[in-house]
Amino acid sequence: MELQKPYYAVIFTNTRTEGDNGYSQMAEEMEKLARKQPGFLDFESARDGLGVTISYWESLEAIANWKSNMEHREAQKNGIKKWYSWYKVRICKVEREYEFTK
C-alpha cells in the first residue's frame, strides 16, 4: 500500500471482553462506514489476543470527523460498555515508510 505522504494513522490497540456480543457485526459495519468517509485512505487489522486496528487518513480533520460520526460514536459507547476490557488510541503522522515483499 503506497499512500501519498504525509498522512495520518489512527492506531487502536485493545483487549476484548469474553464473547462476541455483536462485536463482529459492528466491526464489519464500522469498516464499511469508515471507507465511505471523506479523507479515508486504508485499513488494517489483526487480532491474536491483543487487537490492533489501524486506519489511515488524509488529515487530522478527517480523523476528527470520523470520531464524531454518529454511528461510530454509538459503536464507541458499546465498546466501553460490552466489547473492550482495555484500549488505547494513538494518532500518528506518517512521513516515511518502507516495506518488504518476498
N, C-alpha and C. Protein backbone atom coordinates (compact mmCIF):
# COMPACT_ATOMS: atom_id res chain seq x y z
N MET A 1 0.85 -1.16 0.00
CA MET A 1 0.00 0.00 0.00
C MET A 1 0.91 1.23 0.00
N GLU A 2 0.87 1.98 -1.06
CA GLU A 2 1.69 3.20 -1.17
C GLU A 2 0.76 4.40 -1.13
N LEU A 3 0.80 5.13 -0.03
CA LEU A 3 -0.04 6.30 0.16
C LEU A 3 0.82 7.56 0.05
N GLN A 4 0.22 8.63 -0.41
CA GLN A 4 0.95 9.89 -0.55
C GLN A 4 1.24 10.46 0.83
N LYS A 5 2.49 10.75 1.11
CA LYS A 5 2.91 11.25 2.42
C LYS A 5 2.96 12.76 2.43
N PRO A 6 2.78 13.37 3.58
CA PRO A 6 2.43 12.70 4.84
C PRO A 6 0.95 12.36 4.89
N TYR A 7 0.63 11.39 5.72
CA TYR A 7 -0.75 11.04 6.02
C TYR A 7 -0.79 10.64 7.49
N TYR A 8 -1.96 10.30 7.99
CA TYR A 8 -2.11 10.03 9.42
C TYR A 8 -2.60 8.61 9.65
N ALA A 9 -2.14 8.02 10.74
CA ALA A 9 -2.57 6.69 11.14
C ALA A 9 -3.23 6.79 12.52
N VAL A 10 -4.39 6.17 12.63
CA VAL A 10 -5.05 6.03 13.93
C VAL A 10 -4.86 4.57 14.33
N ILE A 11 -4.09 4.35 15.39
CA ILE A 11 -3.78 3.01 15.86
C ILE A 11 -4.65 2.73 17.08
N PHE A 12 -5.54 1.76 16.94
CA PHE A 12 -6.47 1.38 18.00
C PHE A 12 -6.05 0.00 18.52
N THR A 13 -5.45 -0.03 19.70
CA THR A 13 -4.97 -1.26 20.32
C THR A 13 -5.93 -1.61 21.45
N ASN A 14 -6.30 -2.90 21.55
CA ASN A 14 -7.32 -3.25 22.53
C ASN A 14 -7.25 -4.69 22.98
N THR A 15 -7.89 -4.96 24.11
CA THR A 15 -8.18 -6.32 24.55
C THR A 15 -9.70 -6.42 24.69
N ARG A 16 -10.21 -7.56 24.31
CA ARG A 16 -11.65 -7.79 24.27
C ARG A 16 -12.16 -8.43 25.56
N THR A 17 -13.44 -8.25 25.80
CA THR A 17 -14.14 -8.98 26.85
C THR A 17 -14.52 -10.35 26.28
N GLU A 18 -15.05 -11.22 27.12
CA GLU A 18 -15.47 -12.56 26.69
C GLU A 18 -16.71 -12.49 25.80
N GLY A 19 -16.79 -13.38 24.83
CA GLY A 19 -17.96 -13.48 23.97
C GLY A 19 -17.98 -12.43 22.88
N ASP A 20 -18.78 -12.69 21.86
CA ASP A 20 -18.86 -11.78 20.72
C ASP A 20 -19.81 -10.61 21.01
N ASN A 21 -20.99 -10.90 21.53
CA ASN A 21 -21.97 -9.87 21.92
C ASN A 21 -22.24 -8.83 20.82
N GLY A 22 -22.23 -9.28 19.54
CA GLY A 22 -22.49 -8.38 18.42
C GLY A 22 -21.27 -7.65 17.91
N TYR A 23 -20.09 -7.96 18.46
CA TYR A 23 -18.87 -7.25 18.09
C TYR A 23 -18.51 -7.45 16.62
N SER A 24 -18.52 -8.68 16.13
CA SER A 24 -18.10 -8.97 14.76
C SER A 24 -18.91 -8.18 13.74
N GLN A 25 -20.22 -8.15 13.93
CA GLN A 25 -21.09 -7.41 13.02
C GLN A 25 -20.77 -5.91 13.07
N MET A 26 -20.60 -5.39 14.29
CA MET A 26 -20.29 -3.97 14.44
C MET A 26 -18.96 -3.63 13.77
N ALA A 27 -17.95 -4.47 13.97
CA ALA A 27 -16.63 -4.21 13.38
C ALA A 27 -16.71 -4.16 11.86
N GLU A 28 -17.45 -5.07 11.29
CA GLU A 28 -17.63 -5.09 9.83
C GLU A 28 -18.35 -3.83 9.36
N GLU A 29 -19.40 -3.44 10.07
CA GLU A 29 -20.15 -2.23 9.71
C GLU A 29 -19.28 -0.98 9.84
N MET A 30 -18.46 -0.91 10.88
CA MET A 30 -17.61 0.27 11.08
C MET A 30 -16.56 0.38 9.99
N GLU A 31 -16.00 -0.75 9.57
CA GLU A 31 -15.02 -0.70 8.48
C GLU A 31 -15.69 -0.18 7.20
N LYS A 32 -16.87 -0.70 6.87
CA LYS A 32 -17.59 -0.24 5.67
C LYS A 32 -17.90 1.25 5.77
N LEU A 33 -18.35 1.69 6.94
CA LEU A 33 -18.68 3.10 7.15
C LEU A 33 -17.44 3.98 7.04
N ALA A 34 -16.35 3.55 7.65
CA ALA A 34 -15.10 4.34 7.59
C ALA A 34 -14.64 4.51 6.15
N ARG A 35 -14.74 3.46 5.36
CA ARG A 35 -14.30 3.52 3.95
C ARG A 35 -15.09 4.55 3.14
N LYS A 36 -16.26 4.93 3.60
CA LYS A 36 -17.09 5.93 2.90
C LYS A 36 -16.80 7.35 3.35
N GLN A 37 -16.01 7.51 4.41
CA GLN A 37 -15.76 8.84 4.98
C GLN A 37 -14.78 9.63 4.13
N PRO A 38 -15.04 10.93 3.93
CA PRO A 38 -14.06 11.77 3.23
C PRO A 38 -12.72 11.74 3.97
N GLY A 39 -11.65 11.56 3.22
CA GLY A 39 -10.32 11.55 3.80
C GLY A 39 -9.82 10.18 4.22
N PHE A 40 -10.67 9.15 4.15
CA PHE A 40 -10.25 7.80 4.48
C PHE A 40 -9.30 7.29 3.40
N LEU A 41 -8.22 6.60 3.81
CA LEU A 41 -7.26 6.06 2.85
C LEU A 41 -7.20 4.54 2.84
N ASP A 42 -7.11 3.92 4.02
CA ASP A 42 -6.98 2.46 4.07
C ASP A 42 -7.19 1.97 5.49
N PHE A 43 -7.12 0.64 5.66
CA PHE A 43 -7.47 0.00 6.91
C PHE A 43 -6.70 -1.32 7.03
N GLU A 44 -6.18 -1.61 8.22
CA GLU A 44 -5.53 -2.89 8.51
C GLU A 44 -5.94 -3.33 9.91
N SER A 45 -6.06 -4.65 10.11
CA SER A 45 -6.47 -5.13 11.42
C SER A 45 -5.90 -6.52 11.67
N ALA A 46 -5.57 -6.80 12.93
CA ALA A 46 -5.08 -8.12 13.33
C ALA A 46 -5.48 -8.36 14.78
N ARG A 47 -5.70 -9.64 15.11
CA ARG A 47 -6.02 -9.99 16.49
C ARG A 47 -5.41 -11.35 16.80
N ASP A 48 -4.64 -11.38 17.87
CA ASP A 48 -4.12 -12.63 18.43
C ASP A 48 -4.03 -12.38 19.93
N GLY A 49 -5.18 -12.33 20.57
CA GLY A 49 -5.23 -11.90 21.97
C GLY A 49 -5.34 -10.39 22.01
N LEU A 50 -4.26 -9.71 21.65
CA LEU A 50 -4.26 -8.26 21.54
C LEU A 50 -4.76 -7.87 20.16
N GLY A 51 -5.72 -6.95 20.11
CA GLY A 51 -6.23 -6.49 18.82
C GLY A 51 -5.56 -5.18 18.43
N VAL A 52 -5.23 -5.07 17.15
CA VAL A 52 -4.66 -3.83 16.62
C VAL A 52 -5.38 -3.51 15.32
N THR A 53 -5.99 -2.35 15.29
CA THR A 53 -6.65 -1.86 14.08
C THR A 53 -6.03 -0.52 13.75
N ILE A 54 -5.61 -0.37 12.50
CA ILE A 54 -5.00 0.88 12.05
C ILE A 54 -5.81 1.40 10.87
N SER A 55 -6.28 2.62 11.00
CA SER A 55 -6.93 3.27 9.86
C SER A 55 -6.05 4.44 9.44
N TYR A 56 -6.03 4.69 8.14
CA TYR A 56 -5.17 5.72 7.56
C TYR A 56 -6.03 6.82 6.96
N TRP A 57 -5.61 8.06 7.22
CA TRP A 57 -6.42 9.23 6.87
C TRP A 57 -5.57 10.32 6.24
N GLU A 58 -6.20 11.15 5.42
CA GLU A 58 -5.51 12.25 4.76
C GLU A 58 -5.15 13.38 5.71
N SER A 59 -5.97 13.59 6.76
CA SER A 59 -5.77 14.77 7.61
C SER A 59 -6.31 14.53 9.02
N LEU A 60 -5.89 15.40 9.93
CA LEU A 60 -6.43 15.37 11.28
C LEU A 60 -7.91 15.73 11.29
N GLU A 61 -8.31 16.60 10.38
CA GLU A 61 -9.72 16.96 10.27
C GLU A 61 -10.57 15.75 9.88
N ALA A 62 -10.09 14.94 8.94
CA ALA A 62 -10.81 13.73 8.54
C ALA A 62 -10.96 12.77 9.72
N ILE A 63 -9.91 12.66 10.53
CA ILE A 63 -9.96 11.80 11.73
C ILE A 63 -11.00 12.34 12.72
N ALA A 64 -11.00 13.63 12.94
CA ALA A 64 -11.96 14.25 13.87
C ALA A 64 -13.39 14.03 13.38
N ASN A 65 -13.60 14.15 12.09
CA ASN A 65 -14.94 13.93 11.52
C ASN A 65 -15.37 12.48 11.71
N TRP A 66 -14.46 11.54 11.53
CA TRP A 66 -14.77 10.13 11.74
C TRP A 66 -15.10 9.87 13.21
N LYS A 67 -14.32 10.43 14.11
CA LYS A 67 -14.57 10.23 15.54
C LYS A 67 -15.95 10.74 15.94
N SER A 68 -16.41 11.81 15.29
CA SER A 68 -17.70 12.40 15.67
C SER A 68 -18.88 11.84 14.86
N ASN A 69 -18.63 10.93 13.93
CA ASN A 69 -19.71 10.29 13.17
C ASN A 69 -20.67 9.61 14.15
N MET A 70 -21.96 9.85 14.00
CA MET A 70 -22.95 9.37 14.98
C MET A 70 -22.96 7.85 15.12
N GLU A 71 -22.88 7.12 14.02
CA GLU A 71 -22.86 5.65 14.10
C GLU A 71 -21.58 5.17 14.77
N HIS A 72 -20.48 5.83 14.47
CA HIS A 72 -19.20 5.47 15.09
C HIS A 72 -19.24 5.79 16.59
N ARG A 73 -19.85 6.91 16.96
CA ARG A 73 -19.96 7.27 18.38
C ARG A 73 -20.77 6.22 19.15
N GLU A 74 -21.83 5.69 18.53
CA GLU A 74 -22.63 4.64 19.17
C GLU A 74 -21.79 3.37 19.35
N ALA A 75 -20.99 3.03 18.35
CA ALA A 75 -20.11 1.86 18.47
C ALA A 75 -19.08 2.09 19.59
N GLN A 76 -18.57 3.31 19.71
CA GLN A 76 -17.62 3.62 20.78
C GLN A 76 -18.25 3.40 22.16
N LYS A 77 -19.49 3.86 22.32
CA LYS A 77 -20.20 3.68 23.60
C LYS A 77 -20.37 2.19 23.92
N ASN A 78 -20.78 1.41 22.91
CA ASN A 78 -20.94 -0.03 23.12
C ASN A 78 -19.61 -0.71 23.40
N GLY A 79 -18.55 -0.21 22.79
CA GLY A 79 -17.22 -0.76 23.05
C GLY A 79 -16.86 -0.64 24.53
N ILE A 80 -17.13 0.50 25.11
CA ILE A 80 -16.83 0.72 26.52
C ILE A 80 -17.75 -0.14 27.40
N LYS A 81 -19.02 -0.25 27.03
CA LYS A 81 -19.98 -1.00 27.83
C LYS A 81 -19.75 -2.51 27.78
N LYS A 82 -19.48 -3.05 26.56
CA LYS A 82 -19.52 -4.51 26.47
C LYS A 82 -18.41 -5.19 25.66
N TRP A 83 -17.63 -4.52 24.86
CA TRP A 83 -16.69 -5.22 23.99
C TRP A 83 -15.23 -5.17 24.41
N TYR A 84 -14.82 -4.11 25.09
CA TYR A 84 -13.40 -3.95 25.42
C TYR A 84 -13.17 -3.93 26.92
N SER A 85 -12.11 -4.61 27.34
CA SER A 85 -11.68 -4.50 28.73
C SER A 85 -10.59 -3.44 28.86
N TRP A 86 -9.96 -3.08 27.75
CA TRP A 86 -8.92 -2.04 27.70
C TRP A 86 -8.74 -1.62 26.26
N TYR A 87 -8.44 -0.34 26.05
CA TYR A 87 -8.00 0.10 24.72
C TYR A 87 -7.15 1.36 24.83
N LYS A 88 -6.39 1.60 23.78
CA LYS A 88 -5.59 2.81 23.65
C LYS A 88 -5.66 3.26 22.20
N VAL A 89 -5.76 4.57 21.98
CA VAL A 89 -5.78 5.14 20.64
C VAL A 89 -4.56 6.03 20.49
N ARG A 90 -3.85 5.84 19.41
CA ARG A 90 -2.69 6.68 19.09
C ARG A 90 -2.93 7.29 17.70
N ILE A 91 -2.63 8.55 17.55
CA ILE A 91 -2.75 9.22 16.25
C ILE A 91 -1.35 9.67 15.86
N CYS A 92 -0.91 9.21 14.71
CA CYS A 92 0.48 9.44 14.28
C CYS A 92 0.52 10.04 12.88
N LYS A 93 1.47 10.90 12.67
CA LYS A 93 1.73 11.44 11.33
C LYS A 93 2.78 10.56 10.67
N VAL A 94 2.45 10.02 9.50
CA VAL A 94 3.37 9.15 8.77
C VAL A 94 4.08 9.99 7.73
N GLU A 95 5.38 10.09 7.88
CA GLU A 95 6.18 10.88 6.96
C GLU A 95 7.05 10.02 6.05
N ARG A 96 7.27 8.78 6.48
CA ARG A 96 8.14 7.89 5.73
C ARG A 96 7.67 6.46 5.96
N GLU A 97 7.84 5.62 4.95
CA GLU A 97 7.51 4.20 5.09
C GLU A 97 8.36 3.39 4.12
N TYR A 98 8.49 2.11 4.43
CA TYR A 98 9.12 1.17 3.50
C TYR A 98 8.55 -0.20 3.79
N GLU A 99 8.68 -1.12 2.85
CA GLU A 99 8.15 -2.45 3.04
C GLU A 99 9.00 -3.48 2.30
N PHE A 100 8.78 -4.73 2.63
CA PHE A 100 9.47 -5.85 2.01
C PHE A 100 8.41 -6.85 1.57
N THR A 101 8.55 -7.39 0.38
CA THR A 101 7.68 -8.45 -0.12
C THR A 101 8.55 -9.53 -0.74
N LYS A 102 8.31 -10.76 -0.37
CA LYS A 102 9.07 -11.87 -0.94
C LYS A 102 8.31 -12.47 -2.08
